[in-house]
C-alpha atoms as a PDB file:
ATOM      1  CA  MET A   1       1.367  90.539 106.550  1.00  0.00           C
ATOM      2  CA  ASN A   2       1.372  88.298 103.503  1.00  0.00           C
ATOM      3  CA  ARG A   3      -0.648  85.218 104.384  1.00  0.00           C
ATOM      4  CA  LYS A   4      -2.993  83.039 102.375  1.00  0.00           C
ATOM      5  CA  ILE A   5      -5.027  80.437 104.249  1.00  0.00           C
ATOM      6  CA  ILE A   6      -6.401  77.564 102.187  1.00  0.00           C
ATOM      7  CA  ILE A   7      -8.689  74.883 103.603  1.00  0.00           C
ATOM      8  CA  ALA A   8      -8.778  71.689 101.556  1.00  0.00           C
ATOM      9  CA  GLY A   9     -10.457  68.329 101.995  1.00  0.00           C
ATOM     10  CA  ALA A  10      -8.313  65.213 102.143  1.00  0.00           C
ATOM     11  CA  GLY A  11     -11.326  62.953 101.766  1.00  0.00           C
ATOM     12  CA  THR A  12     -10.824  59.661 103.537  1.00  0.00           C
ATOM     13  CA  GLY A  13      -7.083  60.182 103.797  1.00  0.00           C
ATOM     14  CA  SER A  14      -6.216  57.663 101.111  1.00  0.00           C
ATOM     15  CA  VAL A  15      -3.494  58.752  98.714  1.00  0.00           C
ATOM     16  CA  PHE A  16      -5.492  57.053  95.957  1.00  0.00           C
ATOM     17  CA  GLN A  17      -8.539  59.238  96.583  1.00  0.00           C
ATOM     18  CA  LEU A  18      -6.719  62.561  96.887  1.00  0.00           C
ATOM     19  CA  THR A  19      -7.629  64.915  94.048  1.00  0.00           C
ATOM     20  CA  PRO A  20      -4.909  66.375  91.814  1.00  0.00           C
ATOM     21  CA  GLU A  21      -5.924  69.853  92.999  1.00  0.00           C
ATOM     22  CA  VAL A  22      -5.300  68.961  96.650  1.00  0.00           C
ATOM     23  CA  LYS A  23      -1.997  67.289  95.723  1.00  0.00           C
ATOM     24  CA  ASN A  24      -0.935  70.573  94.107  1.00  0.00           C
ATOM     25  CA  LEU A  25      -2.025  72.558  97.175  1.00  0.00           C
ATOM     26  CA  ILE A  26       0.094  70.288  99.371  1.00  0.00           C
ATOM     27  CA  ASP A  27       3.094  70.765  97.075  1.00  0.00           C
ATOM     28  CA  ASP A  28       2.650  74.561  96.997  1.00  0.00           C
ATOM     29  CA  ALA A  29       2.033  75.102 100.718  1.00  0.00           C
ATOM     30  CA  ASP A  30       4.676  76.670 102.934  1.00  0.00           C
ATOM     31  CA  ILE A  31       3.097  75.241 106.092  1.00  0.00           C
ATOM     32  CA  ILE A  32       0.451  72.541 106.505  1.00  0.00           C
ATOM     33  CA  PHE A  33      -1.877  72.164 109.473  1.00  0.00           C
ATOM     34  CA  SER A  34      -3.148  68.609 109.475  1.00  0.00           C
ATOM     35  CA  ASP A  35      -4.283  65.711 111.580  1.00  0.00           C
ATOM     36  CA  LYS A  36      -1.557  63.081 111.938  1.00  0.00           C
ATOM     37  CA  ARG A  37      -3.719  60.554 110.071  1.00  0.00           C
ATOM     38  CA  PHE A  38      -2.962  62.532 106.881  1.00  0.00           C
ATOM     39  CA  ASN A  39       0.829  62.466 107.320  1.00  0.00           C
ATOM     40  CA  ALA A  40       1.164  59.792 104.628  1.00  0.00           C
ATOM     41  CA  LEU A  41      -0.237  62.304 102.110  1.00  0.00           C
ATOM     42  CA  ILE A  42       2.382  64.945 102.908  1.00  0.00           C
ATOM     43  CA  PRO A  43       6.017  64.825 101.761  1.00  0.00           C
ATOM     44  CA  GLU A  44       8.483  64.548 104.651  1.00  0.00           C
ATOM     45  CA  TYR A  45      10.234  67.806 103.739  1.00  0.00           C
ATOM     46  CA  LYS A  46       7.066  69.849 104.363  1.00  0.00           C
ATOM     47  CA  ARG A  47       6.527  71.657 107.649  1.00  0.00           C
ATOM     48  CA  VAL A  48       3.477  70.082 109.293  1.00  0.00           C
ATOM     49  CA  ILE A  49       1.751  71.332 112.432  1.00  0.00           C
ATOM     50  CA  ASP A  50      -0.904  69.341 114.269  1.00  0.00           C
ATOM     51  CA  ILE A  51      -4.365  70.649 113.406  1.00  0.00           C
ATOM     52  CA  LYS A  52      -5.133  70.861 117.137  1.00  0.00           C
ATOM     53  CA  ASN A  53      -2.775  73.847 117.199  1.00  0.00           C
ATOM     54  CA  TYR A  54      -4.651  75.815 114.523  1.00  0.00           C
ATOM     55  CA  SER A  55      -4.608  78.878 116.808  1.00  0.00           C
ATOM     56  CA  GLU A  56      -0.929  79.206 115.855  1.00  0.00           C
ATOM     57  CA  LEU A  57      -1.985  80.308 112.351  1.00  0.00           C
ATOM     58  CA  GLU A  58      -1.441  83.923 113.338  1.00  0.00           C
ATOM     59  CA  ASN A  59       2.287  83.226 113.809  1.00  0.00           C
ATOM     60  CA  PHE A  60       2.856  82.335 110.150  1.00  0.00           C
ATOM     61  CA  THR A  61       2.904  83.988 106.768  1.00  0.00           C
ATOM     62  CA  GLY A  62       2.947  82.533 103.280  1.00  0.00           C
ATOM     63  CA  LYS A  63       0.715  79.820 101.868  1.00  0.00           C
ATOM     64  CA  ILE A  64      -0.873  77.965 104.756  1.00  0.00           C
ATOM     65  CA  LEU A  65      -2.825  74.822 103.978  1.00  0.00           C
ATOM     66  CA  ILE A  66      -5.316  73.420 106.467  1.00  0.00           C
ATOM     67  CA  LEU A  67      -5.964  69.831 105.494  1.00  0.00           C
ATOM     68  CA  VAL A  68      -9.261  68.495 106.831  1.00  0.00           C
ATOM     69  CA  SER A  69     -11.253  65.330 106.300  1.00  0.00           C
ATOM     70  CA  GLY A  70     -14.222  65.214 103.968  1.00  0.00           C
ATOM     71  CA  ASP A  71     -15.812  68.346 102.553  1.00  0.00           C
ATOM     72  CA  PRO A  72     -14.037  71.421 103.967  1.00  0.00           C
ATOM     73  CA  GLY A  73     -17.209  73.525 103.886  1.00  0.00           C
ATOM     74  CA  ILE A  74     -19.300  71.096 105.918  1.00  0.00           C
ATOM     75  CA  PHE A  75     -18.439  69.799 109.396  1.00  0.00           C
ATOM     76  CA  SER A  76     -14.918  71.199 109.372  1.00  0.00           C
ATOM     77  CA  LEU A  77     -12.889  74.091 110.711  1.00  0.00           C
ATOM     78  CA  MET A  78     -14.066  76.383 107.894  1.00  0.00           C
ATOM     79  CA  SER A  79     -16.528  78.372 110.029  1.00  0.00           C
ATOM     80  CA  VAL A  80     -14.075  78.631 112.935  1.00  0.00           C
ATOM     81  CA  ILE A  81     -11.249  79.875 110.699  1.00  0.00           C
ATOM     82  CA  LYS A  82     -13.499  82.360 108.849  1.00  0.00           C
ATOM     83  CA  LYS A  83     -14.645  83.847 112.183  1.00  0.00           C
ATOM     84  CA  ARG A  84     -11.111  84.101 113.515  1.00  0.00           C
ATOM     85  CA  TYR A  85      -9.614  85.525 110.296  1.00  0.00           C
ATOM     86  CA  PRO A  86     -12.488  87.427 108.609  1.00  0.00           C
ATOM     87  CA  ASP A  87     -10.203  89.494 106.373  1.00  0.00           C
ATOM     88  CA  GLU A  88      -8.505  86.467 104.811  1.00  0.00           C
ATOM     89  CA  ASP A  89      -9.616  85.330 101.373  1.00  0.00           C
END
């Protein structure tokens, strides 16, 4: 299975505060799991799945971006995802 899970912070959700690195991750992602409040940051042609359905990660391959608010390592899904997918980088 060829899957790469990336968790990135969208900050406050403002397009003006999004870092260039996160913009590139959005552009490169095959599938994006995100809260609907971040939809304005994501091009319409991208496949977006509601973050509430993150358990569906196992059904996908490719570059999967999980877009969270704030710092992705603190108060986010990082620990949950790492426990569920320990072999992912």
